[in-house]
Amino acid sequence: MNPETHPDLPIVPPADPFRRPVLETQALCVEVEGLDLIQNLDLCVLAGESVAVVGPSGSGKTVLLQVLMGTRTAHSGKVRVLDAIPADMAYCARVGWIQQHAKLADNLSVRELMELFGSFAPQTLPVETVLEWTGLQDHADTPYGRLTPLQQQLTHLASVVGSCPELLVLDAPTGHLTLEEQEVFWLHLQQVLTPEQTLIFTTRSQVEAEKYAHRTVQLG
């Protein structure tokens, strides 16, 4: 990221090579409808890193995240997330996953959604604090269905970061936002991330990837 363009964003240093791996794949291969979509992917993401998975539509970005989260099975290879294999789902409370085209209950307010997500977590941040960090304090009691696309995406973010996840997994988090809204989303995301938290996100934009990630993984 460019500190001159975003003077208010915290500068996260590059990952220390001695930090523990949070996410690892070895010779990962994923086949979808007879097509070898991901082939022999070796990936190691360390604690505190921000990594972008970049590629055009259909290149396997969402499929990769699904494998990492245990909702899709790889054809071959090894995957470990937070020292567990995805099928175990043992790390769920330690991961905040925002899926592409995610949708929450239209009739629940931002505050109610945050409290609902927090009820499944062993520890949570104060709701009012997260509302302020994500710029949603004036919309806390607004039903999700009445929010703008940017506010809805920030609600997704607030709902997962309030549970103090070690790993954030975001699938095309700004894909449906305008350029101006993308800037606002990333501003708030950088405000809520701590240096110890790890981020992996997908995007079709090389510019976005290079701006907000320590490094990129190219698919397709």
Protein backbone atom coordinates (compact mmCIF):
# COMPACT_ATOMS: atom_id res chain seq x y z
CA MET A 1 0.00 0.00 0.00
CA ASN A 2 1.07 3.56 -0.55
CA PRO A 3 1.36 5.59 2.71
CA GLU A 4 1.33 8.81 0.73
CA THR A 5 -2.05 7.93 -0.77
CA HIS A 6 -3.41 6.52 2.49
CA PRO A 7 -1.72 8.48 5.30
CA ASP A 8 -4.16 7.18 7.92
CA LEU A 9 -3.62 3.48 7.22
CA PRO A 10 -1.39 1.58 9.66
CA ILE A 11 1.73 0.26 7.98
CA VAL A 12 2.03 -3.49 8.56
CA PRO A 13 5.63 -4.69 8.21
CA PRO A 14 6.47 -7.61 5.93
CA ALA A 15 6.05 -10.95 7.63
CA ASP A 16 8.92 -12.14 9.80
CA PRO A 17 10.33 -15.36 8.29
CA PHE A 18 10.44 -16.83 11.80
CA ARG A 19 6.70 -16.41 12.34
CA ARG A 20 4.65 -19.60 12.36
CA PRO A 21 2.79 -20.76 9.26
CA VAL A 22 -0.94 -20.12 9.44
CA LEU A 23 -1.84 -21.72 6.13
CA GLU A 24 0.05 -24.24 4.02
CA THR A 25 -0.56 -26.21 0.84
CA GLN A 26 1.77 -28.75 -0.74
CA ALA A 27 1.38 -29.95 -4.34
CA LEU A 28 -2.30 -29.02 -4.16
CA CYS A 29 -4.36 -30.09 -7.17
CA VAL A 30 -8.05 -29.35 -7.59
CA GLU A 31 -10.19 -30.69 -10.40
CA VAL A 32 -13.57 -29.14 -11.28
CA GLU A 33 -15.81 -30.83 -13.85
CA GLY A 34 -12.86 -32.62 -15.40
CA LEU A 35 -10.71 -29.50 -15.59
CA ASP A 36 -7.42 -29.28 -13.68
CA LEU A 37 -8.15 -25.86 -12.21
CA ILE A 38 -5.34 -25.74 -9.65
CA GLN A 39 -2.16 -27.68 -10.25
CA ASN A 40 0.68 -28.38 -7.81
CA LEU A 41 0.16 -25.27 -5.70
CA ASP A 42 2.71 -24.82 -2.92
CA LEU A 43 1.74 -21.99 -0.61
CA CYS A 44 2.84 -20.92 2.85
CA VAL A 45 1.22 -17.94 4.55
CA LEU A 46 2.80 -16.74 7.79
CA ALA A 47 1.14 -15.09 10.76
CA GLY A 48 0.68 -11.38 10.14
CA GLU A 49 0.92 -11.61 6.36
CA SER A 50 -1.54 -10.21 3.86
CA VAL A 51 -1.67 -12.35 0.71
CA ALA A 52 -3.75 -11.71 -2.41
CA VAL A 53 -4.87 -14.50 -4.74
CA VAL A 54 -5.14 -12.88 -8.17
CA GLY A 55 -6.61 -14.13 -11.42
CA PRO A 56 -9.40 -13.72 -13.94
CA SER A 57 -12.90 -15.12 -13.47
CA GLY A 58 -12.85 -18.90 -13.58
CA SER A 59 -9.19 -19.21 -12.61
CA GLY A 60 -9.92 -21.02 -9.35
CA LYS A 61 -9.71 -18.25 -6.75
CA THR A 62 -12.99 -19.11 -5.03
CA VAL A 63 -12.31 -22.84 -5.43
CA LEU A 64 -8.98 -22.44 -3.63
CA LEU A 65 -10.62 -20.70 -0.68
CA GLN A 66 -13.30 -23.39 -0.54
CA VAL A 67 -10.60 -26.05 -0.30
CA LEU A 68 -8.82 -24.08 2.41
CA MET A 69 -12.07 -23.77 4.36
CA GLY A 70 -12.97 -27.43 3.98
CA THR A 71 -16.12 -27.04 1.87
CA ARG A 72 -14.50 -28.56 -1.23
CA THR A 73 -12.19 -31.56 -1.49
CA ALA A 74 -8.87 -31.36 -3.31
CA HIS A 75 -7.98 -33.97 -5.94
CA SER A 76 -4.56 -34.43 -4.36
CA GLY A 77 -2.00 -32.66 -2.21
CA LYS A 78 -1.93 -31.48 1.39
CA VAL A 79 -3.63 -28.57 3.13
CA ARG A 80 -3.27 -27.34 6.68
CA VAL A 81 -4.90 -24.28 8.21
CA LEU A 82 -3.99 -23.25 11.76
CA ASP A 83 -2.38 -26.64 12.34
CA ALA A 84 -5.51 -28.54 11.30
CA ILE A 85 -6.74 -30.17 8.12
CA PRO A 86 -9.77 -28.34 6.70
CA ALA A 87 -12.06 -31.39 6.93
CA ASP A 88 -11.67 -31.28 10.72
CA MET A 89 -13.13 -27.76 10.85
CA ALA A 90 -11.36 -27.51 14.20
CA TYR A 91 -10.22 -24.00 13.44
CA CYS A 92 -13.64 -22.49 12.65
CA ALA A 93 -13.77 -20.19 15.67
CA ARG A 94 -10.31 -18.93 14.75
CA VAL A 95 -11.21 -18.04 11.16
CA GLY A 96 -13.32 -15.22 9.77
CA TRP A 97 -14.56 -16.16 6.30
CA ILE A 98 -16.53 -13.78 4.09
CA GLN A 99 -17.71 -15.61 1.00
CA GLN A 100 -18.28 -14.02 -2.37
CA HIS A 101 -21.87 -12.76 -2.76
CA ALA A 102 -22.48 -13.34 0.96
CA LYS A 103 -25.97 -12.49 2.16
CA LEU A 104 -27.25 -12.02 5.71
CA ALA A 105 -30.77 -11.79 7.12
CA ASP A 106 -32.46 -8.66 5.76
CA ASN A 107 -34.58 -8.11 8.87
CA LEU A 108 -31.74 -8.19 11.42
CA SER A 109 -29.89 -5.01 12.32
CA VAL A 110 -26.14 -4.58 12.15
CA ARG A 111 -25.93 -4.85 15.93
CA GLU A 112 -28.10 -7.98 16.03
CA LEU A 113 -25.98 -9.66 13.36
CA MET A 114 -22.78 -8.86 15.23
CA GLU A 115 -24.24 -10.24 18.45
CA LEU A 116 -25.43 -13.37 16.63
CA PHE A 117 -21.99 -14.07 15.16
CA GLY A 118 -20.37 -13.30 18.51
CA SER A 119 -22.55 -15.84 20.29
CA PHE A 120 -20.61 -18.64 18.55
CA ALA A 121 -17.16 -17.30 19.47
CA PRO A 122 -15.18 -17.98 22.64
CA GLN A 123 -14.13 -14.33 22.86
CA THR A 124 -15.40 -11.14 21.27
CA LEU A 125 -14.55 -7.48 21.02
CA PRO A 126 -17.02 -4.87 22.33
CA VAL A 127 -19.72 -4.29 19.73
CA GLU A 128 -19.49 -0.51 20.01
CA THR A 129 -15.74 -0.63 19.37
CA VAL A 130 -16.11 -2.68 16.20
CA LEU A 131 -18.97 -0.47 15.00
CA GLU A 132 -16.70 2.55 15.32
CA TRP A 133 -13.77 0.84 13.60
CA THR A 134 -15.93 -0.14 10.65
CA GLY A 135 -17.75 3.19 10.41
CA LEU A 136 -21.12 1.63 11.17
CA GLN A 137 -21.89 3.38 14.46
CA ASP A 138 -24.66 5.47 12.85
CA HIS A 139 -26.20 2.37 11.25
CA ALA A 140 -26.07 -0.04 14.18
CA ASP A 141 -29.85 -0.40 14.38
CA THR A 142 -30.50 -0.35 10.63
CA PRO A 143 -31.79 -3.62 9.13
CA TYR A 144 -29.27 -5.30 6.85
CA GLY A 145 -31.68 -5.17 3.92
CA ARG A 146 -31.77 -1.37 4.03
CA LEU A 147 -27.99 -0.90 3.93
CA THR A 148 -25.99 0.15 0.87
CA PRO A 149 -23.70 -2.47 -0.74
CA LEU A 150 -20.69 -0.90 1.01
CA GLN A 151 -22.45 -0.88 4.38
CA GLN A 152 -23.48 -4.50 3.91
CA GLN A 153 -19.91 -5.52 3.17
CA LEU A 154 -18.70 -3.60 6.22
CA THR A 155 -21.36 -5.43 8.24
CA HIS A 156 -19.91 -8.76 7.07
CA LEU A 157 -16.50 -7.51 8.14
CA ALA A 158 -17.73 -6.30 11.54
CA SER A 159 -19.51 -9.60 12.16
CA VAL A 160 -16.35 -11.68 11.68
CA VAL A 161 -13.64 -9.42 13.14
CA GLY A 162 -15.62 -9.00 16.33
CA SER A 163 -14.86 -12.64 17.10
CA CYS A 164 -11.10 -11.99 17.11
CA PRO A 165 -10.14 -14.43 14.30
CA GLU A 166 -6.51 -15.30 13.75
CA LEU A 167 -7.12 -15.66 10.02
CA LEU A 168 -9.36 -13.55 7.77
CA VAL A 169 -10.40 -15.13 4.46
CA LEU A 170 -12.14 -12.74 2.08
CA ASP A 171 -13.43 -13.84 -1.31
CA ALA A 172 -13.58 -10.86 -3.71
CA PRO A 173 -14.48 -8.47 -0.88
CA THR A 174 -14.65 -5.39 -3.14
CA GLY A 175 -15.70 -6.99 -6.42
CA HIS A 176 -19.14 -5.35 -6.49
CA LEU A 177 -18.09 -1.97 -5.06
CA THR A 178 -17.18 1.24 -6.85
CA LEU A 179 -13.57 2.41 -6.77
CA GLU A 180 -14.44 4.98 -4.12
CA GLU A 181 -16.24 2.38 -2.02
CA GLN A 182 -13.28 0.03 -2.36
CA GLU A 183 -11.01 2.69 -0.85
CA VAL A 184 -13.41 3.10 2.09
CA PHE A 185 -13.66 -0.65 2.65
CA TRP A 186 -9.89 -1.06 2.73
CA LEU A 187 -9.50 1.91 5.04
CA HIS A 188 -11.76 0.25 7.60
CA LEU A 189 -10.26 -3.19 7.09
CA GLN A 190 -6.78 -1.85 7.82
CA GLN A 191 -8.13 -0.17 10.94
CA VAL A 192 -9.50 -3.41 12.38
CA LEU A 193 -6.57 -5.69 11.50
CA THR A 194 -3.87 -6.24 14.10
CA PRO A 195 -0.25 -7.10 13.21
CA GLU A 196 -0.81 -10.64 14.48
CA GLN A 197 -3.81 -11.34 12.26
CA THR A 198 -3.37 -12.95 8.86
CA LEU A 199 -5.31 -11.98 5.74
CA ILE A 200 -5.84 -13.86 2.49
CA PHE A 201 -8.15 -12.35 -0.12
CA THR A 202 -9.04 -12.83 -3.77
CA THR A 203 -9.28 -10.20 -6.46
CA ARG A 204 -9.20 -9.84 -10.23
CA SER A 205 -7.31 -6.55 -9.86
CA GLN A 206 -3.52 -6.67 -9.87
CA VAL A 207 -3.53 -3.04 -8.75
CA GLU A 208 -5.63 -3.84 -5.67
CA ALA A 209 -3.48 -6.86 -4.88
CA GLU A 210 -0.21 -4.96 -5.04
CA LYS A 211 -1.67 -2.08 -3.04
CA TYR A 212 -3.00 -4.04 -0.09
CA ALA A 213 -1.04 -7.31 0.08
CA HIS A 214 2.51 -8.08 1.08
CA ARG A 215 2.65 -10.55 -1.81
CA THR A 216 0.45 -12.14 -4.43
CA VAL A 217 -0.38 -15.62 -5.71
CA GLN A 218 -1.30 -15.75 -9.41
CA LEU A 219 -3.88 -18.21 -10.72
CA GLY A 220 -4.94 -18.70 -14.32
